[in-house]
Amino acid sequence: MDVLERIDQQVKGHPVVIYMKGTPQFPQCGFSMRAAQALTESGVPFAHVNVLQDPEIFEHLPRYADWPTFPQIYVDGELIGGCDITLELHASGELKTMLEAAVAKAAEAG
C-alpha cells in the first residue's frame, strides 16, 4: 500500500488523530508535547502516530495536507492544524467541542 493511502486510512479511520514526534506519554519535541497535552486535557480519546518510528510517514505526511511541520492534528478527517492552532482552540474551549462532535459522529456511523 502506498504511504499516502496509509495516511488517508489512518486519518479517515479515527475521529481524532495526532501525527507527532514521540507518543503522548513520551513526546520527543515540545510542540508535540503541548498539542498532545491539549488533546489529553479535552478528555476525548484520540489516536496517535509516532512519525519518528515511521520514516515514510515522516517524509510524506507534509504532502498529504500541504502542511510542512509536526505535529499535525486531524479531526473528522480534516487537518485542523499544528500546535499553535490546537492550543488556541483548547484555550477558547472550541477544541473539546470539536473533538466530542467528531467522536459522536464516528459512533453514529458505526
PDB file of N, CA and C in Angstrom:
ATOM      1  N   MET A   1       0.844  -1.187   0.000  1.00  0.00           N
ATOM      2  CA  MET A   1       0.000   0.000   0.000  1.00  0.00           C
ATOM      3  C   MET A   1       0.889   1.250   0.000  1.00  0.00           C
ATOM      4  N   ASP A   2       0.504   2.197  -0.789  1.00  0.00           N
ATOM      5  CA  ASP A   2       1.203   3.473  -0.887  1.00  0.00           C
ATOM      6  C   ASP A   2       1.115   4.211   0.451  1.00  0.00           C
ATOM      7  N   VAL A   3       2.161   4.941   0.804  1.00  0.00           N
ATOM      8  CA  VAL A   3       2.201   5.632   2.093  1.00  0.00           C
ATOM      9  C   VAL A   3       1.080   6.677   2.219  1.00  0.00           C
ATOM     10  N   LEU A   4       0.758   7.375   1.137  1.00  0.00           N
ATOM     11  CA  LEU A   4      -0.312   8.365   1.204  1.00  0.00           C
ATOM     12  C   LEU A   4      -1.674   7.692   1.415  1.00  0.00           C
ATOM     13  N   GLU A   5      -1.844   6.485   0.861  1.00  0.00           N
ATOM     14  CA  GLU A   5      -3.073   5.723   1.102  1.00  0.00           C
ATOM     15  C   GLU A   5      -3.141   5.294   2.568  1.00  0.00           C
ATOM     16  N   ARG A   6      -1.998   4.898   3.125  1.00  0.00           N
ATOM     17  CA  ARG A   6      -1.942   4.511   4.539  1.00  0.00           C
ATOM     18  C   ARG A   6      -2.319   5.684   5.443  1.00  0.00           C
ATOM     19  N   ILE A   7      -1.755   6.845   5.141  1.00  0.00           N
ATOM     20  CA  ILE A   7      -2.072   8.056   5.907  1.00  0.00           C
ATOM     21  C   ILE A   7      -3.562   8.356   5.788  1.00  0.00           C
ATOM     22  N   ASP A   8      -4.093   8.267   4.577  1.00  0.00           N
ATOM     23  CA  ASP A   8      -5.506   8.540   4.348  1.00  0.00           C
ATOM     24  C   ASP A   8      -6.382   7.595   5.170  1.00  0.00           C
ATOM     25  N   GLN A   9      -6.025   6.323   5.233  1.00  0.00           N
ATOM     26  CA  GLN A   9      -6.781   5.358   6.032  1.00  0.00           C
ATOM     27  C   GLN A   9      -6.720   5.703   7.524  1.00  0.00           C
ATOM     28  N   GLN A  10      -5.541   6.121   7.986  1.00  0.00           N
ATOM     29  CA  GLN A  10      -5.404   6.497   9.398  1.00  0.00           C
ATOM     30  C   GLN A  10      -6.261   7.725   9.711  1.00  0.00           C
ATOM     31  N   VAL A  11      -6.175   8.726   8.855  1.00  0.00           N
ATOM     32  CA  VAL A  11      -6.912   9.977   9.077  1.00  0.00           C
ATOM     33  C   VAL A  11      -8.413   9.729   9.062  1.00  0.00           C
ATOM     34  N   LYS A  12      -8.874   8.919   8.110  1.00  0.00           N
ATOM     35  CA  LYS A  12     -10.310   8.666   7.974  1.00  0.00           C
ATOM     36  C   LYS A  12     -10.797   7.555   8.896  1.00  0.00           C
ATOM     37  N   GLY A  13      -9.875   6.775   9.450  1.00  0.00           N
ATOM     38  CA  GLY A  13     -10.243   5.667  10.313  1.00  0.00           C
ATOM     39  C   GLY A  13     -10.351   6.021  11.787  1.00  0.00           C
ATOM     40  N   HIS A  14      -9.991   7.236  12.144  1.00  0.00           N
ATOM     41  CA  HIS A  14     -10.052   7.696  13.534  1.00  0.00           C
ATOM     42  C   HIS A  14     -10.720   9.066  13.570  1.00  0.00           C
ATOM     43  N   PRO A  15     -11.633   9.278  14.517  1.00  0.00           N
ATOM     44  CA  PRO A  15     -12.262  10.601  14.598  1.00  0.00           C
ATOM     45  C   PRO A  15     -11.251  11.705  14.921  1.00  0.00           C
ATOM     46  N   VAL A  16     -10.223  11.347  15.723  1.00  0.00           N
ATOM     47  CA  VAL A  16      -9.184  12.310  16.101  1.00  0.00           C
ATOM     48  C   VAL A  16      -7.847  11.585  16.050  1.00  0.00           C
ATOM     49  N   VAL A  17      -6.889  12.158  15.328  1.00  0.00           N
ATOM     50  CA  VAL A  17      -5.549  11.562  15.275  1.00  0.00           C
ATOM     51  C   VAL A  17      -4.505  12.674  15.250  1.00  0.00           C
ATOM     52  N   ILE A  18      -3.448  12.463  16.008  1.00  0.00           N
ATOM     53  CA  ILE A  18      -2.316  13.393  16.009  1.00  0.00           C
ATOM     54  C   ILE A  18      -1.093  12.668  15.470  1.00  0.00           C
ATOM     55  N   TYR A  19      -0.453  13.278  14.499  1.00  0.00           N
ATOM     56  CA  TYR A  19       0.842  12.818  13.999  1.00  0.00           C
ATOM     57  C   TYR A  19       1.875  13.648  14.747  1.00  0.00           C
ATOM     58  N   MET A  20       2.693  12.975  15.522  1.00  0.00           N
ATOM     59  CA  MET A  20       3.590  13.702  16.412  1.00  0.00           C
ATOM     60  C   MET A  20       4.946  13.025  16.496  1.00  0.00           C
ATOM     61  N   LYS A  21       5.899  13.749  17.026  1.00  0.00           N
ATOM     62  CA  LYS A  21       7.220  13.190  17.315  1.00  0.00           C
ATOM     63  C   LYS A  21       7.151  12.589  18.710  1.00  0.00           C
ATOM     64  N   GLY A  22       7.183  11.256  18.759  1.00  0.00           N
ATOM     65  CA  GLY A  22       7.042  10.556  20.022  1.00  0.00           C
ATOM     66  C   GLY A  22       5.608  10.117  20.231  1.00  0.00           C
ATOM     67  N   THR A  23       5.250   9.914  21.491  1.00  0.00           N
ATOM     68  CA  THR A  23       3.896   9.492  21.861  1.00  0.00           C
ATOM     69  C   THR A  23       3.347  10.477  22.886  1.00  0.00           C
ATOM     70  N   PRO A  24       2.043  10.452  23.137  1.00  0.00           N
ATOM     71  CA  PRO A  24       1.509  11.356  24.168  1.00  0.00           C
ATOM     72  C   PRO A  24       2.184  11.140  25.527  1.00  0.00           C
ATOM     73  N   GLN A  25       2.546   9.888  25.841  1.00  0.00           N
ATOM     74  CA  GLN A  25       3.200   9.591  27.109  1.00  0.00           C
ATOM     75  C   GLN A  25       4.681   9.987  27.110  1.00  0.00           C
ATOM     76  N   PHE A  26       5.323   9.887  25.940  1.00  0.00           N
ATOM     77  CA  PHE A  26       6.752  10.206  25.814  1.00  0.00           C
ATOM     78  C   PHE A  26       7.002  11.050  24.565  1.00  0.00           C
ATOM     79  N   PRO A  27       6.561  12.308  24.581  1.00  0.00           N
ATOM     80  CA  PRO A  27       6.775  13.173  23.416  1.00  0.00           C
ATOM     81  C   PRO A  27       8.263  13.453  23.207  1.00  0.00           C
ATOM     82  N   GLN A  28       8.626  13.618  21.944  1.00  0.00           N
ATOM     83  CA  GLN A  28      10.023  13.846  21.600  1.00  0.00           C
ATOM     84  C   GLN A  28      10.287  15.281  21.129  1.00  0.00           C
ATOM     85  N   CYS A  29       9.297  16.151  21.249  1.00  0.00           N
ATOM     86  CA  CYS A  29       9.525  17.577  20.973  1.00  0.00           C
ATOM     87  C   CYS A  29       8.479  18.384  21.723  1.00  0.00           C
ATOM     88  N   GLY A  30       8.803  19.608  22.019  1.00  0.00           N
ATOM     89  CA  GLY A  30       7.929  20.465  22.810  1.00  0.00           C
ATOM     90  C   GLY A  30       6.593  20.757  22.147  1.00  0.00           C
ATOM     91  N   PHE A  31       6.601  20.961  20.831  1.00  0.00           N
ATOM     92  CA  PHE A  31       5.349  21.254  20.130  1.00  0.00           C
ATOM     93  C   PHE A  31       4.417  20.049  20.191  1.00  0.00           C
ATOM     94  N   SER A  32       4.973  18.860  19.950  1.00  0.00           N
ATOM     95  CA  SER A  32       4.170  17.640  20.034  1.00  0.00           C
ATOM     96  C   SER A  32       3.646  17.449  21.454  1.00  0.00           C
ATOM     97  N   MET A  33       4.478  17.729  22.439  1.00  0.00           N
ATOM     98  CA  MET A  33       4.073  17.575  23.834  1.00  0.00           C
ATOM     99  C   MET A  33       2.877  18.474  24.156  1.00  0.00           C
ATOM    100  N   ARG A  34       2.964  19.744  23.774  1.00  0.00           N
ATOM    101  CA  ARG A  34       1.898  20.691  24.106  1.00  0.00           C
ATOM    102  C   ARG A  34       0.592  20.361  23.372  1.00  0.00           C
ATOM    103  N   ALA A  35       0.704  19.969  22.110  1.00  0.00           N
ATOM    104  CA  ALA A  35      -0.508  19.617  21.354  1.00  0.00           C
ATOM    105  C   ALA A  35      -1.165  18.368  21.924  1.00  0.00           C
ATOM    106  N   ALA A  36      -0.371  17.345  22.221  1.00  0.00           N
ATOM    107  CA  ALA A  36      -0.922  16.106  22.795  1.00  0.00           C
ATOM    108  C   ALA A  36      -1.534  16.385  24.169  1.00  0.00           C
ATOM    109  N   GLN A  37      -0.911  17.270  24.919  1.00  0.00           N
ATOM    110  CA  GLN A  37      -1.428  17.629  26.244  1.00  0.00           C
ATOM    111  C   GLN A  37      -2.803  18.297  26.117  1.00  0.00           C
ATOM    112  N   ALA A  38      -2.955  19.174  25.143  1.00  0.00           N
ATOM    113  CA  ALA A  38      -4.248  19.838  24.922  1.00  0.00           C
ATOM    114  C   ALA A  38      -5.310  18.804  24.557  1.00  0.00           C
ATOM    115  N   LEU A  39      -4.953  17.852  23.687  1.00  0.00           N
ATOM    116  CA  LEU A  39      -5.907  16.799  23.325  1.00  0.00           C
ATOM    117  C   LEU A  39      -6.263  15.959  24.548  1.00  0.00           C
ATOM    118  N   THR A  40      -5.267  15.592  25.334  1.00  0.00           N
ATOM    119  CA  THR A  40      -5.495  14.781  26.534  1.00  0.00           C
ATOM    120  C   THR A  40      -6.403  15.510  27.512  1.00  0.00           C
ATOM    121  N   GLU A  41      -6.164  16.799  27.706  1.00  0.00           N
ATOM    122  CA  GLU A  41      -6.961  17.589  28.641  1.00  0.00           C
ATOM    123  C   GLU A  41      -8.415  17.725  28.201  1.00  0.00           C
ATOM    124  N   SER A  42      -8.678  17.507  26.910  1.00  0.00           N
ATOM    125  CA  SER A  42     -10.056  17.574  26.425  1.00  0.00           C
ATOM    126  C   SER A  42     -10.882  16.412  26.963  1.00  0.00           C
ATOM    127  N   GLY A  43     -10.191  15.335  27.346  1.00  0.00           N
ATOM    128  CA  GLY A  43     -10.889  14.162  27.863  1.00  0.00           C
ATOM    129  C   GLY A  43     -11.480  13.280  26.784  1.00  0.00           C
ATOM    130  N   VAL A  44     -11.230  13.596  25.534  1.00  0.00           N
ATOM    131  CA  VAL A  44     -11.767  12.828  24.407  1.00  0.00           C
ATOM    132  C   VAL A  44     -10.666  11.897  23.900  1.00  0.00           C
ATOM    133  N   PRO A  45     -10.980  10.610  23.697  1.00  0.00           N
ATOM    134  CA  PRO A  45      -9.948   9.690  23.213  1.00  0.00           C
ATOM    135  C   PRO A  45      -9.470  10.072  21.811  1.00  0.00           C
ATOM    136  N   PHE A  46      -8.184   9.832  21.578  1.00  0.00           N
ATOM    137  CA  PHE A  46      -7.615  10.140  20.270  1.00  0.00           C
ATOM    138  C   PHE A  46      -6.531   9.126  19.932  1.00  0.00           C
ATOM    139  N   ALA A  47      -6.298   8.973  18.633  1.00  0.00           N
ATOM    140  CA  ALA A  47      -5.230   8.099  18.149  1.00  0.00           C
ATOM    141  C   ALA A  47      -3.978   8.939  17.940  1.00  0.00           C
ATOM    142  N   HIS A  48      -2.842   8.274  17.953  1.00  0.00           N
ATOM    143  CA  HIS A  48      -1.600   8.986  17.652  1.00  0.00           C
ATOM    144  C   HIS A  48      -0.718   8.128  16.766  1.00  0.00           C
ATOM    145  N   VAL A  49       0.105   8.796  15.973  1.00  0.00           N
ATOM    146  CA  VAL A  49       1.100   8.143  15.131  1.00  0.00           C
ATOM    147  C   VAL A  49       2.431   8.815  15.427  1.00  0.00           C
ATOM    148  N   ASN A  50       3.401   7.997  15.829  1.00  0.00           N
ATOM    149  CA  ASN A  50       4.747   8.491  16.099  1.00  0.00           C
ATOM    150  C   ASN A  50       5.499   8.538  14.774  1.00  0.00           C
ATOM    151  N   VAL A  51       5.683   9.741  14.232  1.00  0.00           N
ATOM    152  CA  VAL A  51       6.316   9.886  12.921  1.00  0.00           C
ATOM    153  C   VAL A  51       7.796   9.516  12.957  1.00  0.00           C
ATOM    154  N   LEU A  52       8.386   9.494  14.148  1.00  0.00           N
ATOM    155  CA  LEU A  52       9.800   9.115  14.259  1.00  0.00           C
ATOM    156  C   LEU A  52       9.989   7.610  14.082  1.00  0.00           C
ATOM    157  N   GLN A  53       8.926   6.835  14.280  1.00  0.00           N
ATOM    158  CA  GLN A  53       9.016   5.386  14.110  1.00  0.00           C
ATOM    159  C   GLN A  53       8.635   4.944  12.710  1.00  0.00           C
ATOM    160  N   ASP A  54       8.170   5.850  11.873  1.00  0.00           N
ATOM    161  CA  ASP A  54       7.777   5.501  10.510  1.00  0.00           C
ATOM    162  C   ASP A  54       8.359   6.530   9.545  1.00  0.00           C
ATOM    163  N   PRO A  55       9.570   6.257   9.041  1.00  0.00           N
ATOM    164  CA  PRO A  55      10.237   7.226   8.168  1.00  0.00           C
ATOM    165  C   PRO A  55       9.420   7.612   6.931  1.00  0.00           C
ATOM    166  N   GLU A  56       8.628   6.679   6.405  1.00  0.00           N
ATOM    167  CA  GLU A  56       7.803   7.006   5.234  1.00  0.00           C
ATOM    168  C   GLU A  56       6.751   8.058   5.579  1.00  0.00           C
ATOM    169  N   ILE A  57       6.086   7.881   6.702  1.00  0.00           N
ATOM    170  CA  ILE A  57       5.085   8.873   7.110  1.00  0.00           C
ATOM    171  C   ILE A  57       5.774  10.197   7.419  1.00  0.00           C
ATOM    172  N   PHE A  58       6.906  10.153   8.116  1.00  0.00           N
ATOM    173  CA  PHE A  58       7.654  11.377   8.425  1.00  0.00           C
ATOM    174  C   PHE A  58       7.969  12.155   7.149  1.00  0.00           C
ATOM    175  N   GLU A  59       8.374  11.428   6.119  1.00  0.00           N
ATOM    176  CA  GLU A  59       8.767  12.066   4.861  1.00  0.00           C
ATOM    177  C   GLU A  59       7.573  12.569   4.053  1.00  0.00           C
ATOM    178  N   HIS A  60       6.480  11.810   4.034  1.00  0.00           N
ATOM    179  CA  HIS A  60       5.393  12.110   3.102  1.00  0.00           C
ATOM    180  C   HIS A  60       4.175  12.803   3.714  1.00  0.00           C
ATOM    181  N   LEU A  61       4.017  12.781   5.035  1.00  0.00           N
ATOM    182  CA  LEU A  61       2.855  13.436   5.638  1.00  0.00           C
ATOM    183  C   LEU A  61       2.749  14.917   5.258  1.00  0.00           C
ATOM    184  N   PRO A  62       3.847  15.663   5.204  1.00  0.00           N
ATOM    185  CA  PRO A  62       3.714  17.078   4.806  1.00  0.00           C
ATOM    186  C   PRO A  62       3.042  17.270   3.444  1.00  0.00           C
ATOM    187  N   ARG A  63       3.145  16.276   2.547  1.00  0.00           N
ATOM    188  CA  ARG A  63       2.483  16.358   1.233  1.00  0.00           C
ATOM    189  C   ARG A  63       0.989  16.070   1.335  1.00  0.00           C
ATOM    190  N   TYR A  64       0.590  15.275   2.320  1.00  0.00           N
ATOM    191  CA  TYR A  64      -0.806  14.816   2.405  1.00  0.00           C
ATOM    192  C   TYR A  64      -1.782  15.988   2.488  1.00  0.00           C
ATOM    193  N   ALA A  65      -1.529  16.926   3.369  1.00  0.00           N
ATOM    194  CA  ALA A  65      -2.434  18.076   3.527  1.00  0.00           C
ATOM    195  C   ALA A  65      -1.707  19.399   3.306  1.00  0.00           C
ATOM    196  N   ASP A  66      -0.545  19.321   2.673  1.00  0.00           N
ATOM    197  CA  ASP A  66       0.250  20.517   2.388  1.00  0.00           C
ATOM    198  C   ASP A  66       0.519  21.317   3.671  1.00  0.00           C
ATOM    199  N   TRP A  67       0.976  20.598   4.704  1.00  0.00           N
ATOM    200  CA  TRP A  67       1.320  21.210   5.995  1.00  0.00           C
ATOM    201  C   TRP A  67       2.731  20.737   6.321  1.00  0.00           C
ATOM    202  N   PRO A  68       3.709  21.634   6.395  1.00  0.00           N
ATOM    203  CA  PRO A  68       5.107  21.213   6.434  1.00  0.00           C
ATOM    204  C   PRO A  68       5.655  20.735   7.782  1.00  0.00           C
ATOM    205  N   THR A  69       4.950  20.981   8.871  1.00  0.00           N
ATOM    206  CA  THR A  69       5.550  20.724  10.182  1.00  0.00           C
ATOM    207  C   THR A  69       4.761  19.697  10.991  1.00  0.00           C
ATOM    208  N   PHE A  70       5.367  19.265  12.076  1.00  0.00           N
ATOM    209  CA  PHE A  70       4.728  18.351  13.031  1.00  0.00           C
ATOM    210  C   PHE A  70       4.616  19.094  14.363  1.00  0.00           C
ATOM    211  N   PRO A  71       3.606  18.819  15.140  1.00  0.00           N
ATOM    212  CA  PRO A  71       2.561  17.826  14.949  1.00  0.00           C
ATOM    213  C   PRO A  71       1.501  18.299  13.954  1.00  0.00           C
ATOM    214  N   GLN A  72       0.701  17.327  13.502  1.00  0.00           N
ATOM    215  CA  GLN A  72      -0.466  17.606  12.680  1.00  0.00           C
ATOM    216  C   GLN A  72      -1.649  16.916  13.345  1.00  0.00           C
ATOM    217  N   ILE A  73      -2.729  17.656  13.542  1.00  0.00           N
ATOM    218  CA  ILE A  73      -3.909  17.116  14.204  1.00  0.00           C
ATOM    219  C   ILE A  73      -5.065  17.095  13.208  1.00  0.00           C
ATOM    220  N   TYR A  74      -5.662  15.908  13.073  1.00  0.00           N
ATOM    221  CA  TYR A  74      -6.798  15.712  12.177  1.00  0.00           C
ATOM    222  C   TYR A  74      -8.029  15.382  13.004  1.00  0.00           C
ATOM    223  N   VAL A  75      -9.127  16.073  12.696  1.00  0.00           N
ATOM    224  CA  VAL A  75     -10.396  15.843  13.376  1.00  0.00           C
ATOM    225  C   VAL A  75     -11.440  15.611  12.289  1.00  0.00           C
ATOM    226  N   ASP A  76     -12.131  14.489  12.391  1.00  0.00           N
ATOM    227  CA  ASP A  76     -13.173  14.129  11.426  1.00  0.00           C
ATOM    228  C   ASP A  76     -12.624  14.160   9.997  1.00  0.00           C
ATOM    229  N   GLY A  77     -11.404  13.652   9.826  1.00  0.00           N
ATOM    230  CA  GLY A  77     -10.808  13.544   8.501  1.00  0.00           C
ATOM    231  C   GLY A  77     -10.202  14.811   7.946  1.00  0.00           C
ATOM    232  N   GLU A  78     -10.240  15.897   8.709  1.00  0.00           N
ATOM    233  CA  GLU A  78      -9.725  17.186   8.232  1.00  0.00           C
ATOM    234  C   GLU A  78      -8.579  17.666   9.112  1.00  0.00           C
ATOM    235  N   LEU A  79      -7.571  18.241   8.475  1.00  0.00           N
ATOM    236  CA  LEU A  79      -6.467  18.844   9.222  1.00  0.00           C
ATOM    237  C   LEU A  79      -6.976  20.094   9.921  1.00  0.00           C
ATOM    238  N   ILE A  80      -6.810  20.136  11.255  1.00  0.00           N
ATOM    239  CA  ILE A  80      -7.164  21.380  11.948  1.00  0.00           C
ATOM    240  C   ILE A  80      -5.926  22.249  12.137  1.00  0.00           C
ATOM    241  N   GLY A  81      -4.742  21.633  12.074  1.00  0.00           N
ATOM    242  CA  GLY A  81      -3.518  22.411  12.168  1.00  0.00           C
ATOM    243  C   GLY A  81      -2.480  21.751  13.038  1.00  0.00           C
ATOM    244  N   GLY A  82      -1.573  22.581  13.505  1.00  0.00           N
ATOM    245  CA  GLY A  82      -0.477  22.110  14.335  1.00  0.00           C
ATOM    246  C   GLY A  82      -0.639  22.549  15.772  1.00  0.00           C
ATOM    247  N   CYS A  83       0.469  22.734  16.429  1.00  0.00           N
ATOM    248  CA  CYS A  83       0.476  23.036  17.859  1.00  0.00           C
ATOM    249  C   CYS A  83      -0.234  24.352  18.179  1.00  0.00           C
ATOM    250  N   ASP A  84       0.132  25.426  17.512  1.00  0.00           N
ATOM    251  CA  ASP A  84      -0.418  26.751  17.853  1.00  0.00           C
ATOM    252  C   ASP A  84      -1.933  26.796  17.704  1.00  0.00           C
ATOM    253  N   ILE A  85      -2.438  26.291  16.588  1.00  0.00           N
ATOM    254  CA  ILE A  85      -3.886  26.305  16.354  1.00  0.00           C
ATOM    255  C   ILE A  85      -4.594  25.438  17.391  1.00  0.00           C
ATOM    256  N   THR A  86      -4.016  24.280  17.691  1.00  0.00           N
ATOM    257  CA  THR A  86      -4.611  23.378  18.684  1.00  0.00           C
ATOM    258  C   THR A  86      -4.677  24.051  20.048  1.00  0.00           C
ATOM    259  N   LEU A  87      -3.602  24.737  20.437  1.00  0.00           N
ATOM    260  CA  LEU A  87      -3.588  25.425  21.727  1.00  0.00           C
ATOM    261  C   LEU A  87      -4.604  26.565  21.769  1.00  0.00           C
ATOM    262  N   GLU A  88      -4.764  27.284  20.660  1.00  0.00           N
ATOM    263  CA  GLU A  88      -5.757  28.358  20.600  1.00  0.00           C
ATOM    264  C   GLU A  88      -7.168  27.794  20.741  1.00  0.00           C
ATOM    265  N   LEU A  89      -7.446  26.690  20.034  1.00  0.00           N
ATOM    266  CA  LEU A  89      -8.759  26.055  20.120  1.00  0.00           C
ATOM    267  C   LEU A  89      -9.022  25.539  21.528  1.00  0.00           C
ATOM    268  N   HIS A  90      -7.984  25.002  22.161  1.00  0.00           N
ATOM    269  CA  HIS A  90      -8.106  24.481  23.524  1.00  0.00           C
ATOM    270  C   HIS A  90      -8.411  25.627  24.498  1.00  0.00           C
ATOM    271  N   ALA A  91      -7.687  26.724  24.371  1.00  0.00           N
ATOM    272  CA  ALA A  91      -7.867  27.864  25.272  1.00  0.00           C
ATOM    273  C   ALA A  91      -9.274  28.458  25.162  1.00  0.00           C
ATOM    274  N   SER A  92      -9.840  28.420  23.961  1.00  0.00           N
ATOM    275  CA  SER A  92     -11.170  29.000  23.757  1.00  0.00           C
ATOM    276  C   SER A  92     -12.290  28.026  24.106  1.00  0.00           C
ATOM    277  N   GLY A  93     -11.944  26.765  24.327  1.00  0.00           N
ATOM    278  CA  GLY A  93     -12.961  25.756  24.607  1.00  0.00           C
ATOM    279  C   GLY A  93     -13.503  25.076  23.363  1.00  0.00           C
ATOM    280  N   GLU A  94     -13.108  25.565  22.192  1.00  0.00           N
ATOM    281  CA  GLU A  94     -13.608  25.001  20.933  1.00  0.00           C
ATOM    282  C   GLU A  94     -13.071  23.598  20.662  1.00  0.00           C
ATOM    283  N   LEU A  95     -11.863  23.306  21.131  1.00  0.00           N
ATOM    284  CA  LEU A  95     -11.242  22.018  20.836  1.00  0.00           C
ATOM    285  C   LEU A  95     -12.078  20.871  21.382  1.00  0.00           C
ATOM    286  N   LYS A  96     -12.459  20.957  22.639  1.00  0.00           N
ATOM    287  CA  LYS A  96     -13.235  19.885  23.266  1.00  0.00           C
ATOM    288  C   LYS A  96     -14.542  19.657  22.513  1.00  0.00           C
ATOM    289  N   THR A  97     -15.234  20.730  22.165  1.00  0.00           N
ATOM    290  CA  THR A  97     -16.491  20.635  21.425  1.00  0.00           C
ATOM    291  C   THR A  97     -16.274  19.961  20.075  1.00  0.00           C
ATOM    292  N   MET A  98     -15.226  20.370  19.376  1.00  0.00           N
ATOM    293  CA  MET A  98     -14.900  19.818  18.070  1.00  0.00           C
ATOM    294  C   MET A  98     -14.583  18.319  18.164  1.00  0.00           C
ATOM    295  N   LEU A  99     -13.792  17.945  19.170  1.00  0.00           N
ATOM    296  CA  LEU A  99     -13.407  16.543  19.343  1.00  0.00           C
ATOM    297  C   LEU A  99     -14.608  15.687  19.725  1.00  0.00           C
ATOM    298  N   GLU A 100     -15.429  16.197  20.628  1.00  0.00           N
ATOM    299  CA  GLU A 100     -16.628  15.454  21.043  1.00  0.00           C
ATOM    300  C   GLU A 100     -17.563  15.229  19.862  1.00  0.00           C
ATOM    301  N   ALA A 101     -17.726  16.229  19.025  1.00  0.00           N
ATOM    302  CA  ALA A 101     -18.593  16.095  17.844  1.00  0.00           C
ATOM    303  C   ALA A 101     -18.048  15.045  16.880  1.00  0.00           C
ATOM    304  N   ALA A 102     -16.727  15.028  16.672  1.00  0.00           N
ATOM    305  CA  ALA A 102     -16.123  14.045  15.766  1.00  0.00           C
ATOM    306  C   ALA A 102     -16.285  12.625  16.285  1.00  0.00           C
ATOM    307  N   VAL A 103     -16.098  12.434  17.592  1.00  0.00           N
ATOM    308  CA  VAL A 103     -16.241  11.106  18.197  1.00  0.00           C
ATOM    309  C   VAL A 103     -17.700  10.651  18.137  1.00  0.00           C
ATOM    310  N   ALA A 104     -18.626  11.560  18.409  1.00  0.00           N
ATOM    311  CA  ALA A 104     -20.057  11.221  18.348  1.00  0.00           C
ATOM    312  C   ALA A 104     -20.463  10.845  16.924  1.00  0.00           C
ATOM    313  N   LYS A 105     -19.975  11.584  15.944  1.00  0.00           N
ATOM    314  CA  LYS A 105     -20.283  11.298  14.541  1.00  0.00           C
ATOM    315  C   LYS A 105     -19.761   9.918  14.152  1.00  0.00           C
ATOM    316  N   ALA A 106     -18.546   9.599  14.581  1.00  0.00           N
ATOM    317  CA  ALA A 106     -17.964   8.282  14.267  1.00  0.00           C
ATOM    318  C   ALA A 106     -18.755   7.165  14.936  1.00  0.00           C
ATOM    319  N   ALA A 107     -19.224   7.400  16.159  1.00  0.00           N
ATOM    320  CA  ALA A 107     -20.005   6.385  16.879  1.00  0.00           C
ATOM    321  C   ALA A 107     -21.336   6.134  16.165  1.00  0.00           C
ATOM    322  N   GLU A 108     -21.964   7.202  15.671  1.00  0.00           N
ATOM    323  CA  GLU A 108     -23.238   7.062  14.937  1.00  0.00           C
ATOM    324  C   GLU A 108     -23.052   6.296  13.644  1.00  0.00           C
ATOM    325  N   ALA A 109     -21.903   6.532  12.986  1.00  0.00           N
ATOM    326  CA  ALA A 109     -21.629   5.871  11.702  1.00  0.00           C
ATOM    327  C   ALA A 109     -21.335   4.384  11.912  1.00  0.00           C
ATOM    328  N   GLY A 110     -20.944   4.051  13.152  1.00  0.00           N
ATOM    329  CA  GLY A 110     -20.713   2.651  13.481  1.00  0.00           C
ATOM    330  C   GLY A 110     -19.380   2.191  13.059  1.00  0.00           C
TER     331      GLY A 110
END
